[in-house]
Amino acid sequence: MEIFKNEKKRTLVPSDTATVHEYDTHDGFVSGAVAEIRGRYPAKGFVINTKIKELVYVLSGEGTVITVGGDDHVKAGDVVFVDHGEKFAWDGAMDLFIATTPSFDLNQYIEIE
């Protein structure tokens, strides 16, 4: 067992509307983060994880998951599964816990129009 302390998280600010707090598990198979979404992320288009899958739990707030197939409203308590290769975006005021497998790698995470 390992405990990941809040004071050791790494904070990334990919845009004006998203702040991500990453917890490094030192494990290639799973990682976790808390994302604060305050508006649309990305501002235009979509993001794609080319290798990882995400299991997202809406901690608080509410918003929309935007996909090519349509938009879905989510609120605190909902869970979203994002498979690798899916195009998606977030919009709203919500905090998300995101577990990824394999571990998140910024190099395989891309934004597209």
N, C-alpha and C. Protein backbone atom coordinates (compact mmCIF):
# COMPACT_ATOMS: atom_id res chain seq x y z
N MET A 1 0.84 -1.18 0.00
CA MET A 1 0.00 0.00 0.00
C MET A 1 0.88 1.23 0.00
N GLU A 2 0.40 2.26 -0.68
CA GLU A 2 1.12 3.52 -0.69
C GLU A 2 0.09 4.65 -0.59
N ILE A 3 0.43 5.69 0.14
CA ILE A 3 -0.43 6.85 0.30
C ILE A 3 0.22 8.02 -0.44
N PHE A 4 -0.58 8.73 -1.20
CA PHE A 4 -0.09 9.85 -2.00
C PHE A 4 -0.59 11.13 -1.37
N LYS A 5 0.29 11.85 -0.75
CA LYS A 5 -0.06 13.05 0.02
C LYS A 5 -0.38 14.23 -0.89
N ASN A 6 -1.35 14.99 -0.47
CA ASN A 6 -1.80 16.16 -1.21
C ASN A 6 -0.66 17.14 -1.48
N GLU A 7 0.21 17.32 -0.51
CA GLU A 7 1.30 18.30 -0.68
C GLU A 7 2.36 17.84 -1.69
N LYS A 8 2.29 16.58 -2.14
CA LYS A 8 3.26 16.09 -3.12
C LYS A 8 2.68 16.00 -4.53
N LYS A 9 1.45 16.47 -4.71
CA LYS A 9 0.84 16.42 -6.04
C LYS A 9 1.54 17.41 -6.97
N ARG A 10 1.41 17.15 -8.26
CA ARG A 10 1.94 18.04 -9.29
C ARG A 10 0.75 18.73 -9.94
N THR A 11 0.77 20.06 -9.98
CA THR A 11 -0.34 20.81 -10.54
C THR A 11 0.00 21.33 -11.92
N LEU A 12 -0.89 21.04 -12.87
CA LEU A 12 -0.75 21.49 -14.24
C LEU A 12 -1.93 22.40 -14.57
N VAL A 13 -1.69 23.41 -15.37
CA VAL A 13 -2.76 24.32 -15.80
C VAL A 13 -2.75 24.33 -17.33
N PRO A 14 -3.46 23.37 -17.95
CA PRO A 14 -3.42 23.29 -19.41
C PRO A 14 -4.20 24.41 -20.12
N SER A 15 -5.09 25.10 -19.39
CA SER A 15 -5.85 26.20 -20.00
C SER A 15 -6.42 27.08 -18.89
N ASP A 16 -7.08 28.16 -19.29
CA ASP A 16 -7.73 29.05 -18.32
C ASP A 16 -8.91 28.37 -17.63
N THR A 17 -9.41 27.28 -18.21
CA THR A 17 -10.61 26.63 -17.69
C THR A 17 -10.35 25.28 -17.03
N ALA A 18 -9.09 24.85 -16.97
CA ALA A 18 -8.79 23.54 -16.39
C ALA A 18 -7.51 23.58 -15.57
N THR A 19 -7.59 23.01 -14.37
CA THR A 19 -6.43 22.80 -13.52
C THR A 19 -6.43 21.33 -13.14
N VAL A 20 -5.28 20.68 -13.27
CA VAL A 20 -5.18 19.25 -13.00
C VAL A 20 -4.13 19.02 -11.93
N HIS A 21 -4.51 18.27 -10.89
CA HIS A 21 -3.60 17.90 -9.81
C HIS A 21 -3.29 16.42 -9.95
N GLU A 22 -2.07 16.12 -10.37
CA GLU A 22 -1.66 14.73 -10.61
C GLU A 22 -0.98 14.13 -9.39
N TYR A 23 -1.30 12.88 -9.14
CA TYR A 23 -0.68 12.12 -8.05
C TYR A 23 0.13 10.99 -8.69
N ASP A 24 1.44 11.08 -8.60
CA ASP A 24 2.33 10.12 -9.25
C ASP A 24 2.36 8.83 -8.45
N THR A 25 1.83 7.77 -9.02
CA THR A 25 1.79 6.48 -8.34
C THR A 25 3.08 5.69 -8.52
N HIS A 26 3.98 6.15 -9.38
CA HIS A 26 5.22 5.42 -9.69
C HIS A 26 4.90 4.02 -10.20
N ASP A 27 3.77 3.89 -10.87
CA ASP A 27 3.29 2.61 -11.36
C ASP A 27 2.88 2.81 -12.82
N GLY A 28 3.35 2.01 -13.71
CA GLY A 28 3.03 2.18 -15.12
C GLY A 28 1.63 1.75 -15.51
N PHE A 29 0.89 1.13 -14.56
CA PHE A 29 -0.40 0.58 -14.91
C PHE A 29 -1.60 1.44 -14.52
N VAL A 30 -1.44 2.35 -13.57
CA VAL A 30 -2.57 3.17 -13.13
C VAL A 30 -2.05 4.48 -12.55
N SER A 31 -2.80 5.55 -12.77
CA SER A 31 -2.48 6.82 -12.14
C SER A 31 -3.79 7.54 -11.83
N GLY A 32 -3.69 8.61 -11.05
CA GLY A 32 -4.88 9.35 -10.67
C GLY A 32 -4.64 10.84 -10.64
N ALA A 33 -5.74 11.59 -10.80
CA ALA A 33 -5.66 13.04 -10.79
C ALA A 33 -7.02 13.62 -10.40
N VAL A 34 -6.99 14.86 -9.94
CA VAL A 34 -8.22 15.62 -9.73
C VAL A 34 -8.17 16.78 -10.70
N ALA A 35 -9.22 16.93 -11.49
CA ALA A 35 -9.31 18.02 -12.46
C ALA A 35 -10.40 18.99 -12.03
N GLU A 36 -10.07 20.27 -12.05
CA GLU A 36 -11.04 21.33 -11.79
C GLU A 36 -11.40 21.94 -13.14
N ILE A 37 -12.65 21.80 -13.54
CA ILE A 37 -13.12 22.31 -14.82
C ILE A 37 -14.01 23.53 -14.54
N ARG A 38 -13.68 24.66 -15.15
CA ARG A 38 -14.44 25.90 -14.97
C ARG A 38 -14.66 26.54 -16.33
N GLY A 39 -15.51 25.93 -17.13
CA GLY A 39 -15.76 26.38 -18.50
C GLY A 39 -15.53 25.22 -19.46
N ARG A 40 -15.28 25.52 -20.72
CA ARG A 40 -15.07 24.46 -21.71
C ARG A 40 -13.59 24.13 -21.81
N TYR A 41 -13.29 22.82 -21.77
CA TYR A 41 -11.93 22.35 -21.98
C TYR A 41 -11.95 21.17 -22.93
N PRO A 42 -11.22 21.25 -24.04
CA PRO A 42 -10.48 22.41 -24.51
C PRO A 42 -11.44 23.48 -25.03
N ALA A 43 -10.92 24.68 -25.22
CA ALA A 43 -11.77 25.80 -25.65
C ALA A 43 -12.46 25.50 -26.98
N LYS A 44 -11.77 24.80 -27.89
CA LYS A 44 -12.34 24.39 -29.17
C LYS A 44 -11.94 22.94 -29.42
N GLY A 45 -12.75 22.26 -30.18
CA GLY A 45 -12.41 20.91 -30.59
C GLY A 45 -12.52 19.90 -29.46
N PHE A 46 -11.60 18.93 -29.49
CA PHE A 46 -11.64 17.80 -28.56
C PHE A 46 -10.24 17.45 -28.08
N VAL A 47 -10.18 16.58 -27.09
CA VAL A 47 -8.94 15.95 -26.68
C VAL A 47 -9.08 14.45 -26.94
N ILE A 48 -7.93 13.80 -27.12
CA ILE A 48 -7.89 12.35 -27.34
C ILE A 48 -6.73 11.79 -26.52
N ASN A 49 -6.99 10.71 -25.82
CA ASN A 49 -5.92 9.92 -25.21
C ASN A 49 -5.67 8.77 -26.16
N THR A 50 -4.49 8.74 -26.77
CA THR A 50 -4.23 7.73 -27.79
C THR A 50 -3.96 6.34 -27.21
N LYS A 51 -3.62 6.26 -25.92
CA LYS A 51 -3.30 4.96 -25.33
C LYS A 51 -4.07 4.63 -24.05
N ILE A 52 -4.42 5.63 -23.27
CA ILE A 52 -5.00 5.33 -21.96
C ILE A 52 -6.52 5.33 -21.98
N LYS A 53 -7.08 4.65 -21.00
CA LYS A 53 -8.50 4.68 -20.71
C LYS A 53 -8.68 5.47 -19.42
N GLU A 54 -9.80 6.20 -19.32
CA GLU A 54 -10.07 7.00 -18.14
C GLU A 54 -11.37 6.56 -17.50
N LEU A 55 -11.36 6.48 -16.18
CA LEU A 55 -12.58 6.30 -15.41
C LEU A 55 -12.71 7.56 -14.57
N VAL A 56 -13.76 8.34 -14.83
CA VAL A 56 -13.91 9.67 -14.24
C VAL A 56 -15.10 9.69 -13.30
N TYR A 57 -14.88 10.13 -12.07
CA TYR A 57 -15.94 10.28 -11.08
C TYR A 57 -16.15 11.76 -10.85
N VAL A 58 -17.39 12.23 -10.99
CA VAL A 58 -17.69 13.64 -10.78
C VAL A 58 -17.82 13.86 -9.27
N LEU A 59 -16.80 14.51 -8.70
CA LEU A 59 -16.76 14.76 -7.26
C LEU A 59 -17.79 15.80 -6.83
N SER A 60 -17.86 16.90 -7.59
CA SER A 60 -18.78 17.97 -7.24
C SER A 60 -19.12 18.77 -8.48
N GLY A 61 -20.22 19.51 -8.40
CA GLY A 61 -20.64 20.35 -9.51
C GLY A 61 -21.36 19.57 -10.58
N GLU A 62 -21.44 20.20 -11.76
CA GLU A 62 -22.09 19.57 -12.89
C GLU A 62 -21.62 20.20 -14.18
N GLY A 63 -21.93 19.52 -15.28
CA GLY A 63 -21.53 20.03 -16.57
C GLY A 63 -21.91 19.08 -17.67
N THR A 64 -21.15 19.15 -18.76
CA THR A 64 -21.45 18.39 -19.95
C THR A 64 -20.20 17.68 -20.45
N VAL A 65 -20.36 16.44 -20.87
CA VAL A 65 -19.32 15.72 -21.62
C VAL A 65 -19.73 15.86 -23.08
N ILE A 66 -18.84 16.42 -23.88
CA ILE A 66 -19.11 16.67 -25.28
C ILE A 66 -18.36 15.64 -26.11
N THR A 67 -19.07 14.93 -26.98
CA THR A 67 -18.45 13.95 -27.86
C THR A 67 -18.95 14.17 -29.28
N VAL A 68 -18.36 13.47 -30.21
CA VAL A 68 -18.79 13.55 -31.60
C VAL A 68 -20.25 13.09 -31.72
N GLY A 69 -20.64 12.14 -30.89
CA GLY A 69 -22.00 11.59 -30.94
C GLY A 69 -23.04 12.43 -30.23
N GLY A 70 -22.63 13.46 -29.50
CA GLY A 70 -23.59 14.30 -28.79
C GLY A 70 -23.09 14.71 -27.43
N ASP A 71 -23.93 15.39 -26.70
CA ASP A 71 -23.57 15.91 -25.38
C ASP A 71 -24.36 15.17 -24.30
N ASP A 72 -23.72 14.93 -23.14
CA ASP A 72 -24.39 14.29 -22.02
C ASP A 72 -24.14 15.11 -20.76
N HIS A 73 -25.21 15.39 -20.05
CA HIS A 73 -25.12 16.12 -18.78
C HIS A 73 -24.61 15.17 -17.69
N VAL A 74 -23.69 15.65 -16.86
CA VAL A 74 -23.20 14.88 -15.72
C VAL A 74 -23.24 15.76 -14.48
N LYS A 75 -23.38 15.09 -13.32
CA LYS A 75 -23.41 15.81 -12.05
C LYS A 75 -22.70 14.98 -11.00
N ALA A 76 -22.50 15.58 -9.82
CA ALA A 76 -21.82 14.89 -8.72
C ALA A 76 -22.39 13.50 -8.53
N GLY A 77 -21.49 12.52 -8.42
CA GLY A 77 -21.89 11.13 -8.23
C GLY A 77 -21.89 10.30 -9.49
N ASP A 78 -21.88 10.94 -10.66
CA ASP A 78 -21.86 10.22 -11.93
C ASP A 78 -20.46 9.73 -12.24
N VAL A 79 -20.37 8.67 -13.04
CA VAL A 79 -19.10 8.11 -13.49
C VAL A 79 -19.11 8.07 -15.02
N VAL A 80 -17.99 8.46 -15.61
CA VAL A 80 -17.84 8.48 -17.06
C VAL A 80 -16.65 7.59 -17.43
N PHE A 81 -16.85 6.68 -18.38
CA PHE A 81 -15.74 5.88 -18.90
C PHE A 81 -15.36 6.43 -20.26
N VAL A 82 -14.08 6.76 -20.44
CA VAL A 82 -13.56 7.26 -21.71
C VAL A 82 -12.54 6.24 -22.22
N ASP A 83 -12.83 5.63 -23.34
CA ASP A 83 -11.91 4.66 -23.93
C ASP A 83 -10.82 5.40 -24.69
N HIS A 84 -9.68 4.73 -24.88
CA HIS A 84 -8.60 5.37 -25.65
C HIS A 84 -9.08 5.61 -27.07
N GLY A 85 -8.63 6.73 -27.64
CA GLY A 85 -9.00 7.07 -29.01
C GLY A 85 -10.30 7.85 -29.15
N GLU A 86 -11.06 8.00 -28.06
CA GLU A 86 -12.32 8.76 -28.15
C GLU A 86 -12.05 10.25 -28.11
N LYS A 87 -12.81 10.99 -28.90
CA LYS A 87 -12.73 12.45 -28.91
C LYS A 87 -13.75 12.96 -27.88
N PHE A 88 -13.29 13.86 -26.98
CA PHE A 88 -14.20 14.38 -25.97
C PHE A 88 -13.75 15.75 -25.49
N ALA A 89 -14.67 16.44 -24.80
CA ALA A 89 -14.39 17.72 -24.16
C ALA A 89 -15.28 17.83 -22.94
N TRP A 90 -14.91 18.70 -22.02
CA TRP A 90 -15.69 18.97 -20.81
C TRP A 90 -16.19 20.40 -20.86
N ASP A 91 -17.36 20.64 -20.28
CA ASP A 91 -17.85 22.00 -20.15
C ASP A 91 -18.70 22.08 -18.88
N GLY A 92 -18.40 23.04 -18.03
CA GLY A 92 -19.19 23.20 -16.82
C GLY A 92 -18.35 23.71 -15.67
N ALA A 93 -18.90 23.54 -14.47
CA ALA A 93 -18.20 23.88 -13.23
C ALA A 93 -18.23 22.63 -12.38
N MET A 94 -17.15 21.85 -12.44
CA MET A 94 -17.13 20.56 -11.76
C MET A 94 -15.70 20.15 -11.42
N ASP A 95 -15.61 19.31 -10.40
CA ASP A 95 -14.35 18.71 -10.00
C ASP A 95 -14.45 17.22 -10.29
N LEU A 96 -13.42 16.67 -10.91
CA LEU A 96 -13.43 15.29 -11.37
C LEU A 96 -12.25 14.52 -10.77
N PHE A 97 -12.49 13.30 -10.31
CA PHE A 97 -11.38 12.40 -10.01
C PHE A 97 -11.22 11.49 -11.20
N ILE A 98 -9.98 11.41 -11.73
CA ILE A 98 -9.73 10.65 -12.94
C ILE A 98 -8.68 9.58 -12.67
N ALA A 99 -9.07 8.32 -12.84
CA ALA A 99 -8.13 7.21 -12.78
C ALA A 99 -7.83 6.79 -14.21
N THR A 100 -6.55 6.61 -14.53
CA THR A 100 -6.16 6.24 -15.89
C THR A 100 -5.37 4.94 -15.88
N THR A 101 -5.57 4.17 -16.95
CA THR A 101 -4.79 2.96 -17.14
C THR A 101 -4.46 2.84 -18.63
N PRO A 102 -3.20 2.62 -19.00
CA PRO A 102 -2.04 2.70 -18.12
C PRO A 102 -1.86 4.13 -17.59
N SER A 103 -0.81 4.35 -16.85
CA SER A 103 -0.56 5.66 -16.25
C SER A 103 -0.58 6.77 -17.30
N PHE A 104 -1.09 7.92 -16.90
CA PHE A 104 -1.21 9.06 -17.80
C PHE A 104 0.16 9.47 -18.33
N ASP A 105 0.20 9.78 -19.61
CA ASP A 105 1.42 10.23 -20.28
C ASP A 105 1.05 11.42 -21.16
N LEU A 106 1.55 12.58 -20.82
CA LEU A 106 1.23 13.81 -21.56
C LEU A 106 1.56 13.69 -23.04
N ASN A 107 2.55 12.87 -23.39
CA ASN A 107 2.96 12.73 -24.79
C ASN A 107 1.91 12.05 -25.66
N GLN A 108 1.00 11.29 -25.08
CA GLN A 108 -0.01 10.61 -25.88
C GLN A 108 -1.38 11.28 -25.78
N TYR A 109 -1.44 12.45 -25.16
CA TYR A 109 -2.66 13.22 -24.97
C TYR A 109 -2.64 14.39 -25.95
N ILE A 110 -3.59 14.43 -26.88
CA ILE A 110 -3.54 15.46 -27.92
C ILE A 110 -4.87 16.21 -28.01
N GLU A 111 -4.78 17.47 -28.41
CA GLU A 111 -5.94 18.30 -28.69
C GLU A 111 -6.12 18.37 -30.20
N ILE A 112 -7.38 18.27 -30.66
CA ILE A 112 -7.66 18.35 -32.09
C ILE A 112 -8.85 19.29 -32.33
N GLU A 113 -8.95 19.81 -33.51
CA GLU A 113 -10.08 20.70 -33.86
C GLU A 113 -11.31 19.88 -34.13
